């Protein structure tokens, strides 16, 4: 009866770990790339970003300001709010009356046929 070599067993184990690691890396990269494409959806629609300053009143919320400046061409309202938070370095949805925030305004690209 032949004895199985420990080297053969370890080699198969290393190959299996390599395959599993490669698959996990591929899944991570696919997830990361799809997230990048989703968060930059505006780039496909809009060619320029400008900004406007909005003075916050007592009745304002981040969501109400976003809704007032939102257009459906921007993608989802949640992504637009995320953009506003990034522009203003906000870690939460809290804003204070009397302060001002910057709101991105995306300008659509127009071709010569649309003029």
N, C-alpha and C. Protein backbone atom coordinates (compact mmCIF):
# COMPACT_ATOMS: atom_id res chain seq x y z
N UNK A 1 0.84 -1.16 0.00
CA UNK A 1 0.00 0.00 0.00
C UNK A 1 0.90 1.25 0.00
N UNK A 2 0.56 2.18 -0.87
CA UNK A 2 1.35 3.39 -0.99
C UNK A 2 0.89 4.41 0.05
N UNK A 3 1.85 5.12 0.60
CA UNK A 3 1.53 6.22 1.51
C UNK A 3 1.36 7.49 0.70
N UNK A 4 0.37 8.31 1.11
CA UNK A 4 0.18 9.59 0.44
C UNK A 4 1.25 10.56 0.95
N UNK A 5 1.76 11.30 0.05
CA UNK A 5 2.80 12.25 0.39
C UNK A 5 2.19 13.49 1.04
N UNK A 6 2.81 13.99 2.08
CA UNK A 6 2.36 15.22 2.73
C UNK A 6 2.54 16.41 1.79
N UNK A 7 3.53 16.36 0.95
CA UNK A 7 3.79 17.44 0.00
C UNK A 7 2.63 17.56 -0.98
N UNK A 8 2.13 16.44 -1.50
CA UNK A 8 0.99 16.46 -2.42
C UNK A 8 -0.24 17.05 -1.74
N UNK A 9 -0.50 16.65 -0.50
CA UNK A 9 -1.64 17.15 0.24
C UNK A 9 -1.53 18.66 0.44
N UNK A 10 -0.35 19.14 0.84
CA UNK A 10 -0.14 20.57 1.06
C UNK A 10 -0.26 21.35 -0.25
N UNK A 11 0.22 20.79 -1.32
CA UNK A 11 0.14 21.46 -2.61
C UNK A 11 -1.32 21.65 -3.02
N UNK A 12 -2.13 20.63 -2.83
CA UNK A 12 -3.55 20.74 -3.16
C UNK A 12 -4.24 21.76 -2.26
N UNK A 13 -3.84 21.80 -1.00
CA UNK A 13 -4.42 22.75 -0.06
C UNK A 13 -4.06 24.18 -0.46
N UNK A 14 -2.82 24.40 -0.86
CA UNK A 14 -2.37 25.72 -1.30
C UNK A 14 -3.10 26.13 -2.57
N UNK A 15 -3.28 25.20 -3.50
CA UNK A 15 -4.01 25.50 -4.72
C UNK A 15 -5.45 25.90 -4.43
N UNK A 16 -6.09 25.19 -3.53
CA UNK A 16 -7.47 25.50 -3.15
C UNK A 16 -7.55 26.88 -2.50
N UNK A 17 -6.62 27.19 -1.60
CA UNK A 17 -6.59 28.51 -0.97
C UNK A 17 -6.37 29.62 -2.00
N UNK A 18 -5.51 29.36 -2.96
CA UNK A 18 -5.25 30.33 -4.01
C UNK A 18 -6.51 30.59 -4.85
N UNK A 19 -7.21 29.54 -5.19
CA UNK A 19 -8.45 29.67 -5.98
C UNK A 19 -9.50 30.44 -5.20
N UNK A 20 -9.69 30.09 -3.93
CA UNK A 20 -10.68 30.79 -3.09
C UNK A 20 -10.30 32.26 -2.94
N UNK A 21 -9.03 32.53 -2.69
CA UNK A 21 -8.55 33.91 -2.56
C UNK A 21 -8.76 34.71 -3.84
N UNK A 22 -8.50 34.09 -4.97
CA UNK A 22 -8.69 34.76 -6.25
C UNK A 22 -10.16 35.09 -6.49
N UNK A 23 -11.04 34.15 -6.15
CA UNK A 23 -12.47 34.39 -6.30
C UNK A 23 -12.94 35.52 -5.39
N UNK A 24 -12.48 35.53 -4.16
CA UNK A 24 -12.85 36.60 -3.24
C UNK A 24 -12.34 37.96 -3.73
N UNK A 25 -11.13 38.00 -4.25
CA UNK A 25 -10.58 39.23 -4.80
C UNK A 25 -11.40 39.71 -6.00
N UNK A 26 -11.78 38.79 -6.87
CA UNK A 26 -12.59 39.14 -8.04
C UNK A 26 -13.95 39.69 -7.61
N UNK A 27 -14.57 39.07 -6.61
CA UNK A 27 -15.86 39.56 -6.11
C UNK A 27 -15.72 40.95 -5.50
N UNK A 28 -14.67 41.17 -4.73
CA UNK A 28 -14.44 42.48 -4.14
C UNK A 28 -14.25 43.54 -5.21
N UNK A 29 -13.44 43.25 -6.21
CA UNK A 29 -13.20 44.21 -7.29
C UNK A 29 -14.48 44.53 -8.06
N UNK A 30 -15.30 43.51 -8.32
CA UNK A 30 -16.57 43.74 -9.01
C UNK A 30 -17.48 44.63 -8.18
N UNK A 31 -17.53 44.38 -6.86
CA UNK A 31 -18.35 45.20 -5.97
C UNK A 31 -17.83 46.64 -5.93
N UNK A 32 -16.53 46.82 -5.83
CA UNK A 32 -15.93 48.14 -5.75
C UNK A 32 -16.17 48.93 -7.03
N UNK A 33 -15.96 48.31 -8.16
CA UNK A 33 -16.13 48.98 -9.44
C UNK A 33 -17.60 49.36 -9.66
N UNK A 34 -18.52 48.49 -9.30
CA UNK A 34 -19.94 48.81 -9.48
C UNK A 34 -20.33 49.96 -8.57
N UNK A 35 -19.77 50.05 -7.39
CA UNK A 35 -20.05 51.18 -6.49
C UNK A 35 -19.51 52.48 -7.05
N UNK A 36 -18.34 52.43 -7.66
CA UNK A 36 -17.76 53.63 -8.26
C UNK A 36 -18.62 54.11 -9.41
N UNK A 37 -19.13 53.19 -10.23
CA UNK A 37 -19.97 53.57 -11.36
C UNK A 37 -21.28 54.16 -10.88
N UNK A 38 -21.86 53.62 -9.82
CA UNK A 38 -23.13 54.13 -9.31
C UNK A 38 -22.97 55.51 -8.70
N UNK A 39 -21.88 55.73 -7.97
CA UNK A 39 -21.70 57.02 -7.32
C UNK A 39 -21.32 58.12 -8.30
N UNK A 40 -20.87 57.74 -9.48
CA UNK A 40 -20.52 58.72 -10.50
C UNK A 40 -21.51 58.72 -11.65
N UNK A 41 -22.76 58.38 -11.37
CA UNK A 41 -23.78 58.35 -12.40
C UNK A 41 -24.00 59.73 -13.00
N UNK A 42 -23.84 60.78 -12.19
CA UNK A 42 -24.03 62.13 -12.69
C UNK A 42 -23.03 62.47 -13.78
N UNK A 43 -21.84 61.92 -13.71
CA UNK A 43 -20.80 62.23 -14.69
C UNK A 43 -21.22 61.84 -16.09
N UNK A 44 -22.01 60.78 -16.22
CA UNK A 44 -22.48 60.35 -17.53
C UNK A 44 -23.54 61.29 -18.07
N UNK A 45 -24.28 61.94 -17.17
CA UNK A 45 -25.38 62.82 -17.58
C UNK A 45 -24.92 64.27 -17.67
N UNK A 46 -24.06 64.69 -16.77
CA UNK A 46 -23.70 66.08 -16.62
C UNK A 46 -22.24 66.31 -16.95
N UNK A 47 -21.97 67.45 -17.56
CA UNK A 47 -20.59 67.74 -17.93
C UNK A 47 -19.92 68.69 -16.96
N UNK A 48 -20.69 69.52 -16.26
CA UNK A 48 -20.10 70.49 -15.35
C UNK A 48 -20.85 70.51 -14.03
N UNK A 49 -20.12 70.84 -13.00
CA UNK A 49 -20.74 71.03 -11.69
C UNK A 49 -20.44 72.45 -11.25
N UNK A 50 -21.48 73.17 -10.89
CA UNK A 50 -21.29 74.47 -10.25
C UNK A 50 -21.92 74.36 -8.87
N UNK A 51 -21.76 75.38 -8.07
CA UNK A 51 -22.25 75.32 -6.70
C UNK A 51 -23.00 76.60 -6.38
N UNK A 52 -23.99 76.47 -5.52
CA UNK A 52 -24.66 77.67 -5.02
C UNK A 52 -24.72 77.58 -3.51
N UNK A 53 -24.76 78.74 -2.89
CA UNK A 53 -24.82 78.81 -1.43
C UNK A 53 -26.27 78.97 -1.01
N UNK A 54 -26.67 78.19 -0.03
CA UNK A 54 -28.04 78.25 0.49
C UNK A 54 -27.96 78.62 1.97
N UNK A 55 -28.69 79.67 2.35
CA UNK A 55 -28.77 80.09 3.76
C UNK A 55 -29.84 79.25 4.44
N UNK A 56 -29.50 78.65 5.56
CA UNK A 56 -30.40 77.73 6.27
C UNK A 56 -31.31 78.53 7.20
N UNK A 57 -32.63 78.27 7.07
CA UNK A 57 -33.62 78.89 7.96
C UNK A 57 -34.02 77.88 9.03
N UNK A 58 -34.83 78.33 9.98
CA UNK A 58 -35.24 77.46 11.09
C UNK A 58 -36.04 76.26 10.63
N UNK A 59 -36.80 76.38 9.55
CA UNK A 59 -37.64 75.27 9.08
C UNK A 59 -36.90 74.31 8.14
N UNK A 60 -35.70 74.66 7.73
CA UNK A 60 -34.96 73.84 6.77
C UNK A 60 -34.38 72.58 7.38
N UNK A 61 -34.34 71.54 6.57
CA UNK A 61 -33.61 70.32 6.87
C UNK A 61 -32.72 70.04 5.67
N UNK A 62 -31.76 69.17 5.84
CA UNK A 62 -30.91 68.80 4.71
C UNK A 62 -31.76 68.22 3.58
N UNK A 63 -32.77 67.42 3.96
CA UNK A 63 -33.64 66.80 2.96
C UNK A 63 -34.50 67.84 2.24
N UNK A 64 -35.00 68.84 2.95
CA UNK A 64 -35.84 69.85 2.29
C UNK A 64 -35.01 70.70 1.33
N UNK A 65 -33.79 71.03 1.72
CA UNK A 65 -32.91 71.79 0.83
C UNK A 65 -32.56 70.96 -0.40
N UNK A 66 -32.28 69.67 -0.18
CA UNK A 66 -31.97 68.78 -1.31
C UNK A 66 -33.16 68.69 -2.26
N UNK A 67 -34.36 68.52 -1.71
CA UNK A 67 -35.56 68.41 -2.55
C UNK A 67 -35.79 69.69 -3.35
N UNK A 68 -35.52 70.86 -2.75
CA UNK A 68 -35.70 72.14 -3.45
C UNK A 68 -34.75 72.30 -4.63
N UNK A 69 -33.58 71.67 -4.56
CA UNK A 69 -32.56 71.84 -5.60
C UNK A 69 -32.36 70.60 -6.47
N UNK A 70 -33.08 69.56 -6.19
CA UNK A 70 -32.91 68.27 -6.87
C UNK A 70 -33.65 68.24 -8.21
N UNK A 71 -33.02 67.62 -9.20
CA UNK A 71 -33.68 67.29 -10.47
C UNK A 71 -33.44 65.81 -10.71
N UNK A 72 -34.41 65.13 -11.27
CA UNK A 72 -34.29 63.67 -11.41
C UNK A 72 -33.14 63.25 -12.32
N UNK A 73 -32.62 64.17 -13.13
CA UNK A 73 -31.46 63.84 -13.96
C UNK A 73 -30.23 63.55 -13.11
N UNK A 74 -30.22 63.98 -11.84
CA UNK A 74 -29.07 63.79 -10.96
C UNK A 74 -28.93 62.36 -10.50
N UNK A 75 -29.95 61.54 -10.68
CA UNK A 75 -29.93 60.19 -10.12
C UNK A 75 -30.85 60.18 -8.91
N UNK A 76 -30.52 59.41 -7.91
CA UNK A 76 -31.40 59.29 -6.75
C UNK A 76 -31.22 60.49 -5.81
N UNK A 77 -32.27 60.80 -5.08
CA UNK A 77 -32.22 61.88 -4.09
C UNK A 77 -31.20 61.55 -3.00
N UNK A 78 -31.11 60.28 -2.64
CA UNK A 78 -30.15 59.87 -1.61
C UNK A 78 -28.71 60.17 -2.04
N UNK A 79 -28.40 59.91 -3.32
CA UNK A 79 -27.05 60.20 -3.81
C UNK A 79 -26.79 61.71 -3.86
N UNK A 80 -27.83 62.49 -4.18
CA UNK A 80 -27.69 63.94 -4.21
C UNK A 80 -27.42 64.47 -2.80
N UNK A 81 -28.12 63.93 -1.82
CA UNK A 81 -27.89 64.33 -0.43
C UNK A 81 -26.48 63.94 0.00
N UNK A 82 -26.03 62.77 -0.43
CA UNK A 82 -24.66 62.34 -0.13
C UNK A 82 -23.66 63.34 -0.73
N UNK A 83 -23.92 63.81 -1.95
CA UNK A 83 -23.05 64.82 -2.58
C UNK A 83 -23.03 66.12 -1.78
N UNK A 84 -24.20 66.56 -1.31
CA UNK A 84 -24.28 67.79 -0.50
C UNK A 84 -23.46 67.61 0.78
N UNK A 85 -23.62 66.46 1.41
CA UNK A 85 -22.88 66.21 2.65
C UNK A 85 -21.37 66.20 2.40
N UNK A 86 -20.94 65.63 1.29
CA UNK A 86 -19.52 65.60 0.96
C UNK A 86 -18.99 67.01 0.70
N UNK A 87 -19.77 67.83 -0.01
CA UNK A 87 -19.35 69.22 -0.32
C UNK A 87 -19.15 70.03 0.95
N UNK A 88 -19.93 69.72 1.97
CA UNK A 88 -19.91 70.51 3.19
C UNK A 88 -19.24 69.79 4.37
N UNK A 89 -18.62 68.66 4.10
CA UNK A 89 -17.95 67.85 5.13
C UNK A 89 -18.88 67.54 6.30
N UNK A 90 -20.12 67.17 5.98
CA UNK A 90 -21.09 66.82 7.01
C UNK A 90 -21.04 65.32 7.27
N UNK A 91 -21.01 64.93 8.52
CA UNK A 91 -21.03 63.51 8.85
C UNK A 91 -22.43 63.02 9.23
N UNK A 92 -23.37 63.97 9.38
CA UNK A 92 -24.76 63.61 9.69
C UNK A 92 -25.68 64.52 8.88
N UNK A 93 -26.99 64.32 9.04
CA UNK A 93 -27.97 65.14 8.34
C UNK A 93 -28.29 66.43 9.09
N UNK A 94 -27.64 66.68 10.21
CA UNK A 94 -27.93 67.87 11.02
C UNK A 94 -27.35 69.13 10.39
N UNK A 95 -28.20 70.16 10.32
CA UNK A 95 -27.77 71.49 9.87
C UNK A 95 -28.35 72.51 10.84
N UNK A 96 -27.74 73.69 10.89
CA UNK A 96 -28.14 74.71 11.87
C UNK A 96 -28.65 75.96 11.16
N UNK A 97 -29.78 76.48 11.66
CA UNK A 97 -30.34 77.72 11.13
C UNK A 97 -29.33 78.84 11.29
N UNK A 98 -29.29 79.71 10.28
CA UNK A 98 -28.37 80.83 10.31
C UNK A 98 -27.06 80.54 9.60
N UNK A 99 -26.76 79.28 9.39
CA UNK A 99 -25.54 78.89 8.67
C UNK A 99 -25.85 78.79 7.17
N UNK A 100 -24.83 78.61 6.40
CA UNK A 100 -24.98 78.41 4.96
C UNK A 100 -24.33 77.09 4.56
N UNK A 101 -24.87 76.47 3.53
CA UNK A 101 -24.25 75.28 2.97
C UNK A 101 -24.11 75.46 1.47
N UNK A 102 -23.22 74.68 0.90
CA UNK A 102 -22.99 74.69 -0.54
C UNK A 102 -23.77 73.54 -1.14
N UNK A 103 -24.48 73.82 -2.23
CA UNK A 103 -25.29 72.80 -2.91
C UNK A 103 -24.77 72.65 -4.34
N UNK A 104 -24.41 71.44 -4.75
CA UNK A 104 -23.96 71.25 -6.13
C UNK A 104 -25.12 71.39 -7.12
N UNK A 105 -24.83 72.04 -8.24
CA UNK A 105 -25.81 72.19 -9.31
C UNK A 105 -25.16 71.63 -10.56
N UNK A 106 -25.74 70.57 -11.09
CA UNK A 106 -25.15 69.91 -12.25
C UNK A 106 -25.72 70.52 -13.52
N UNK A 107 -24.83 70.85 -14.45
CA UNK A 107 -25.22 71.46 -15.71
C UNK A 107 -25.15 70.39 -16.78
N UNK A 108 -26.27 70.17 -17.48
CA UNK A 108 -26.30 69.16 -18.52
C UNK A 108 -25.53 69.60 -19.74
N UNK A 109 -24.92 68.62 -20.36
CA UNK A 109 -24.18 68.86 -21.60
C UNK A 109 -25.19 68.96 -22.74
N UNK A 110 -25.03 69.97 -23.59
CA UNK A 110 -25.92 70.15 -24.73
C UNK A 110 -25.14 69.95 -26.02
N UNK A 111 -25.69 69.17 -26.91
CA UNK A 111 -25.02 69.00 -28.21
C UNK A 111 -25.49 70.10 -29.14
N UNK A 112 -24.85 70.24 -30.27
CA UNK A 112 -25.19 71.28 -31.25
C UNK A 112 -26.62 71.09 -31.77
N UNK A 113 -27.13 69.85 -31.80
CA UNK A 113 -28.47 69.58 -32.29
C UNK A 113 -29.54 70.08 -31.35
N UNK A 114 -29.23 70.22 -30.05
CA UNK A 114 -30.23 70.62 -29.06
C UNK A 114 -30.38 72.12 -28.97
N UNK A 115 -29.48 72.92 -29.55
CA UNK A 115 -29.55 74.37 -29.46
C UNK A 115 -30.62 74.95 -30.29
